Amino acid sequence: MATKMTDKQKEQFYRKRRNLNFQSSAALDGLDTKLVELTDEQVLERLAALRRHYER
């Protein structure tokens, strides 16, 4: 019997699906994109850096 996915597992699954769908869509338009995988901490760090840069 299969077990239900936790909210965190669902989030990770849909994030990966969304990335793959974007890559597939971009490939149809002739664009070559590379998959970038960041941890949650890296995402928050990058957002903070961008905010510092653009909110001067």
PDB file of N, CA and C in Angstrom:
ATOM      1  N   MET A   1       0.843  -1.184   0.000  1.00  0.00           N
ATOM      2  CA  MET A   1       0.000   0.000   0.000  1.00  0.00           C
ATOM      3  C   MET A   1       0.887   1.246   0.000  1.00  0.00           C
ATOM      4  N   ALA A   2       0.598   2.187  -0.853  1.00  0.00           N
ATOM      5  CA  ALA A   2       1.387   3.415  -0.963  1.00  0.00           C
ATOM      6  C   ALA A   2       1.051   4.360   0.188  1.00  0.00           C
ATOM      7  N   THR A   3       2.076   5.074   0.638  1.00  0.00           N
ATOM      8  CA  THR A   3       1.845   6.045   1.700  1.00  0.00           C
ATOM      9  C   THR A   3       1.674   7.425   1.075  1.00  0.00           C
ATOM     10  N   LYS A   4       1.011   8.295   1.796  1.00  0.00           N
ATOM     11  CA  LYS A   4       0.791   9.651   1.310  1.00  0.00           C
ATOM     12  C   LYS A   4       2.071  10.465   1.461  1.00  0.00           C
ATOM     13  N   MET A   5       2.248  11.400   0.537  1.00  0.00           N
ATOM     14  CA  MET A   5       3.425  12.267   0.597  1.00  0.00           C
ATOM     15  C   MET A   5       3.179  13.375   1.608  1.00  0.00           C
ATOM     16  N   THR A   6       4.260  13.773   2.279  1.00  0.00           N
ATOM     17  CA  THR A   6       4.166  14.894   3.202  1.00  0.00           C
ATOM     18  C   THR A   6       4.119  16.185   2.395  1.00  0.00           C
ATOM     19  N   ASP A   7       3.789  17.286   3.045  1.00  0.00           N
ATOM     20  CA  ASP A   7       3.735  18.577   2.358  1.00  0.00           C
ATOM     21  C   ASP A   7       5.103  18.943   1.781  1.00  0.00           C
ATOM     22  N   LYS A   8       6.159  18.653   2.519  1.00  0.00           N
ATOM     23  CA  LYS A   8       7.504  18.965   2.037  1.00  0.00           C
ATOM     24  C   LYS A   8       7.839  18.129   0.802  1.00  0.00           C
ATOM     25  N   GLN A   9       7.471  16.861   0.808  1.00  0.00           N
ATOM     26  CA  GLN A   9       7.712  16.003  -0.353  1.00  0.00           C
ATOM     27  C   GLN A   9       6.916  16.481  -1.558  1.00  0.00           C
ATOM     28  N   LYS A  10       5.677  16.913  -1.330  1.00  0.00           N
ATOM     29  CA  LYS A  10       4.849  17.436  -2.411  1.00  0.00           C
ATOM     30  C   LYS A  10       5.484  18.688  -3.008  1.00  0.00           C
ATOM     31  N   GLU A  11       5.966  19.573  -2.141  1.00  0.00           N
ATOM     32  CA  GLU A  11       6.593  20.811  -2.601  1.00  0.00           C
ATOM     33  C   GLU A  11       7.816  20.513  -3.456  1.00  0.00           C
ATOM     34  N   GLN A  12       8.659  19.593  -2.992  1.00  0.00           N
ATOM     35  CA  GLN A  12       9.855  19.227  -3.749  1.00  0.00           C
ATOM     36  C   GLN A  12       9.480  18.592  -5.084  1.00  0.00           C
ATOM     37  N   PHE A  13       8.481  17.727  -5.088  1.00  0.00           N
ATOM     38  CA  PHE A  13       8.035  17.066  -6.312  1.00  0.00           C
ATOM     39  C   PHE A  13       7.539  18.091  -7.331  1.00  0.00           C
ATOM     40  N   TYR A  14       6.674  19.009  -6.890  1.00  0.00           N
ATOM     41  CA  TYR A  14       6.115  19.987  -7.820  1.00  0.00           C
ATOM     42  C   TYR A  14       7.159  20.994  -8.282  1.00  0.00           C
ATOM     43  N   ARG A  15       8.119  21.319  -7.422  1.00  0.00           N
ATOM     44  CA  ARG A  15       9.199  22.220  -7.830  1.00  0.00           C
ATOM     45  C   ARG A  15      10.025  21.570  -8.944  1.00  0.00           C
ATOM     46  N   LYS A  16      10.345  20.290  -8.804  1.00  0.00           N
ATOM     47  CA  LYS A  16      11.104  19.590  -9.839  1.00  0.00           C
ATOM     48  C   LYS A  16      10.294  19.480 -11.128  1.00  0.00           C
ATOM     49  N   ARG A  17       8.986  19.183 -11.011  1.00  0.00           N
ATOM     50  CA  ARG A  17       8.127  19.092 -12.191  1.00  0.00           C
ATOM     51  C   ARG A  17       8.081  20.420 -12.933  1.00  0.00           C
ATOM     52  N   ARG A  18       7.925  21.509 -12.154  1.00  0.00           N
ATOM     53  CA  ARG A  18       7.855  22.842 -12.752  1.00  0.00           C
ATOM     54  C   ARG A  18       9.150  23.170 -13.489  1.00  0.00           C
ATOM     55  N   ASN A  19      10.296  22.834 -12.905  1.00  0.00           N
ATOM     56  CA  ASN A  19      11.584  23.076 -13.549  1.00  0.00           C
ATOM     57  C   ASN A  19      11.715  22.278 -14.837  1.00  0.00           C
ATOM     58  N   LEU A  20      11.329  21.013 -14.795  1.00  0.00           N
ATOM     59  CA  LEU A  20      11.402  20.186 -15.995  1.00  0.00           C
ATOM     60  C   LEU A  20      10.449  20.685 -17.080  1.00  0.00           C
ATOM     61  N   ASN A  21       9.264  21.115 -16.679  1.00  0.00           N
ATOM     62  CA  ASN A  21       8.311  21.658 -17.649  1.00  0.00           C
ATOM     63  C   ASN A  21       8.846  22.932 -18.289  1.00  0.00           C
ATOM     64  N   PHE A  22       9.492  23.784 -17.482  1.00  0.00           N
ATOM     65  CA  PHE A  22      10.077  25.010 -18.023  1.00  0.00           C
ATOM     66  C   PHE A  22      11.177  24.685 -19.018  1.00  0.00           C
ATOM     67  N   GLN A  23      12.039  23.735 -18.667  1.00  0.00           N
ATOM     68  CA  GLN A  23      13.113  23.352 -19.575  1.00  0.00           C
ATOM     69  C   GLN A  23      12.553  22.796 -20.884  1.00  0.00           C
ATOM     70  N   SER A  24      11.533  21.981 -20.792  1.00  0.00           N
ATOM     71  CA  SER A  24      10.919  21.411 -21.996  1.00  0.00           C
ATOM     72  C   SER A  24      10.292  22.502 -22.858  1.00  0.00           C
ATOM     73  N   SER A  25       9.610  23.435 -22.228  1.00  0.00           N
ATOM     74  CA  SER A  25       8.986  24.528 -22.958  1.00  0.00           C
ATOM     75  C   SER A  25      10.044  25.407 -23.618  1.00  0.00           C
ATOM     76  N   ALA A  26      11.127  25.692 -22.903  1.00  0.00           N
ATOM     77  CA  ALA A  26      12.200  26.509 -23.457  1.00  0.00           C
ATOM     78  C   ALA A  26      12.868  25.795 -24.627  1.00  0.00           C
ATOM     79  N   ALA A  27      13.011  24.479 -24.529  1.00  0.00           N
ATOM     80  CA  ALA A  27      13.624  23.703 -25.614  1.00  0.00           C
ATOM     81  C   ALA A  27      12.771  23.783 -26.875  1.00  0.00           C
ATOM     82  N   LEU A  28      11.454  23.812 -26.729  1.00  0.00           N
ATOM     83  CA  LEU A  28      10.575  23.953 -27.887  1.00  0.00           C
ATOM     84  C   LEU A  28      10.773  25.298 -28.580  1.00  0.00           C
ATOM     85  N   ASP A  29      11.159  26.309 -27.796  1.00  0.00           N
ATOM     86  CA  ASP A  29      11.423  27.641 -28.352  1.00  0.00           C
ATOM     87  C   ASP A  29      12.857  27.787 -28.833  1.00  0.00           C
ATOM     88  N   GLY A  30      13.636  26.717 -28.742  1.00  0.00           N
ATOM     89  CA  GLY A  30      15.017  26.748 -29.211  1.00  0.00           C
ATOM     90  C   GLY A  30      16.010  27.271 -28.185  1.00  0.00           C
ATOM     91  N   LEU A  31      15.614  27.373 -26.946  1.00  0.00           N
ATOM     92  CA  LEU A  31      16.504  27.852 -25.890  1.00  0.00           C
ATOM     93  C   LEU A  31      17.104  26.673 -25.139  1.00  0.00           C
ATOM     94  N   ASP A  32      18.361  26.804 -24.786  1.00  0.00           N
ATOM     95  CA  ASP A  32      19.028  25.758 -24.011  1.00  0.00           C
ATOM     96  C   ASP A  32      19.264  26.282 -22.607  1.00  0.00           C
ATOM     97  N   THR A  33      18.542  25.750 -21.635  1.00  0.00           N
ATOM     98  CA  THR A  33      18.684  26.194 -20.256  1.00  0.00           C
ATOM     99  C   THR A  33      19.294  25.086 -19.423  1.00  0.00           C
ATOM    100  N   LYS A  34      20.026  25.490 -18.410  1.00  0.00           N
ATOM    101  CA  LYS A  34      20.620  24.525 -17.490  1.00  0.00           C
ATOM    102  C   LYS A  34      19.817  24.537 -16.196  1.00  0.00           C
ATOM    103  N   LEU A  35      19.617  23.362 -15.639  1.00  0.00           N
ATOM    104  CA  LEU A  35      18.871  23.233 -14.397  1.00  0.00           C
ATOM    105  C   LEU A  35      19.734  23.695 -13.236  1.00  0.00           C
ATOM    106  N   VAL A  36      19.202  24.607 -12.428  1.00  0.00           N
ATOM    107  CA  VAL A  36      19.891  25.101 -11.251  1.00  0.00           C
ATOM    108  C   VAL A  36      19.107  24.635 -10.035  1.00  0.00           C
ATOM    109  N   GLU A  37      19.761  23.859  -9.198  1.00  0.00           N
ATOM    110  CA  GLU A  37      19.097  23.373  -7.991  1.00  0.00           C
ATOM    111  C   GLU A  37      19.737  24.031  -6.786  1.00  0.00           C
ATOM    112  N   LEU A  38      18.927  24.723  -6.003  1.00  0.00           N
ATOM    113  CA  LEU A  38      19.392  25.401  -4.803  1.00  0.00           C
ATOM    114  C   LEU A  38      18.647  24.857  -3.594  1.00  0.00           C
ATOM    115  N   THR A  39      19.340  24.865  -2.467  1.00  0.00           N
ATOM    116  CA  THR A  39      18.674  24.488  -1.225  1.00  0.00           C
ATOM    117  C   THR A  39      17.816  25.667  -0.778  1.00  0.00           C
ATOM    118  N   ASP A  40      16.939  25.441   0.166  1.00  0.00           N
ATOM    119  CA  ASP A  40      16.091  26.518   0.664  1.00  0.00           C
ATOM    120  C   ASP A  40      16.930  27.658   1.237  1.00  0.00           C
ATOM    121  N   GLU A  41      18.017  27.317   1.919  1.00  0.00           N
ATOM    122  CA  GLU A  41      18.893  28.332   2.501  1.00  0.00           C
ATOM    123  C   GLU A  41      19.563  29.164   1.411  1.00  0.00           C
ATOM    124  N   GLN A  42      19.990  28.511   0.333  1.00  0.00           N
ATOM    125  CA  GLN A  42      20.625  29.221  -0.771  1.00  0.00           C
ATOM    126  C   GLN A  42      19.636  30.152  -1.460  1.00  0.00           C
ATOM    127  N   VAL A  43      18.390  29.726  -1.579  1.00  0.00           N
ATOM    128  CA  VAL A  43      17.368  30.569  -2.188  1.00  0.00           C
ATOM    129  C   VAL A  43      17.157  31.815  -1.344  1.00  0.00           C
ATOM    130  N   LEU A  44      17.021  31.639  -0.041  1.00  0.00           N
ATOM    131  CA  LEU A  44      16.807  32.780   0.847  1.00  0.00           C
ATOM    132  C   LEU A  44      18.001  33.728   0.826  1.00  0.00           C
ATOM    133  N   GLU A  45      19.212  33.178   0.791  1.00  0.00           N
ATOM    134  CA  GLU A  45      20.416  33.991   0.725  1.00  0.00           C
ATOM    135  C   GLU A  45      20.454  34.797  -0.577  1.00  0.00           C
ATOM    136  N   ARG A  46      20.109  34.171  -1.684  1.00  0.00           N
ATOM    137  CA  ARG A  46      20.105  34.849  -2.984  1.00  0.00           C
ATOM    138  C   ARG A  46      19.054  35.949  -3.024  1.00  0.00           C
ATOM    139  N   LEU A  47      17.865  35.685  -2.478  1.00  0.00           N
ATOM    140  CA  LEU A  47      16.819  36.698  -2.426  1.00  0.00           C
ATOM    141  C   LEU A  47      17.259  37.899  -1.593  1.00  0.00           C
ATOM    142  N   ALA A  48      17.899  37.636  -0.466  1.00  0.00           N
ATOM    143  CA  ALA A  48      18.384  38.720   0.381  1.00  0.00           C
ATOM    144  C   ALA A  48      19.428  39.559  -0.355  1.00  0.00           C
ATOM    145  N   ALA A  49      20.326  38.907  -1.091  1.00  0.00           N
ATOM    146  CA  ALA A  49      21.348  39.625  -1.841  1.00  0.00           C
ATOM    147  C   ALA A  49      20.713  40.490  -2.932  1.00  0.00           C
ATOM    148  N   LEU A  50      19.722  39.954  -3.629  1.00  0.00           N
ATOM    149  CA  LEU A  50      19.047  40.738  -4.664  1.00  0.00           C
ATOM    150  C   LEU A  50      18.287  41.918  -4.080  1.00  0.00           C
ATOM    151  N   ARG A  51      17.656  41.714  -2.935  1.00  0.00           N
ATOM    152  CA  ARG A  51      16.942  42.814  -2.285  1.00  0.00           C
ATOM    153  C   ARG A  51      17.910  43.915  -1.878  1.00  0.00           C
ATOM    154  N   ARG A  52      19.070  43.533  -1.323  1.00  0.00           N
ATOM    155  CA  ARG A  52      20.062  44.526  -0.929  1.00  0.00           C
ATOM    156  C   ARG A  52      20.519  45.325  -2.143  1.00  0.00           C
ATOM    157  N   HIS A  53      20.694  44.634  -3.254  1.00  0.00           N
ATOM    158  CA  HIS A  53      21.183  45.287  -4.464  1.00  0.00           C
ATOM    159  C   HIS A  53      20.163  46.264  -5.056  1.00  0.00           C
ATOM    160  N   TYR A  54      18.893  45.852  -5.108  1.00  0.00           N
ATOM    161  CA  TYR A  54      17.887  46.657  -5.789  1.00  0.00           C
ATOM    162  C   TYR A  54      17.125  47.618  -4.885  1.00  0.00           C
ATOM    163  N   GLU A  55      17.262  47.494  -3.574  1.00  0.00           N
ATOM    164  CA  GLU A  55      16.523  48.376  -2.657  1.00  0.00           C
ATOM    165  C   GLU A  55      17.438  49.439  -2.062  1.00  0.00           C
ATOM    166  N   ARG A  56      18.353  49.921  -2.854  1.00  0.00           N
ATOM    167  CA  ARG A  56      19.282  50.961  -2.346  1.00  0.00           C
ATOM    168  C   ARG A  56      18.586  52.253  -2.140  1.00  0.00           C
TER     169      ARG A  56
END
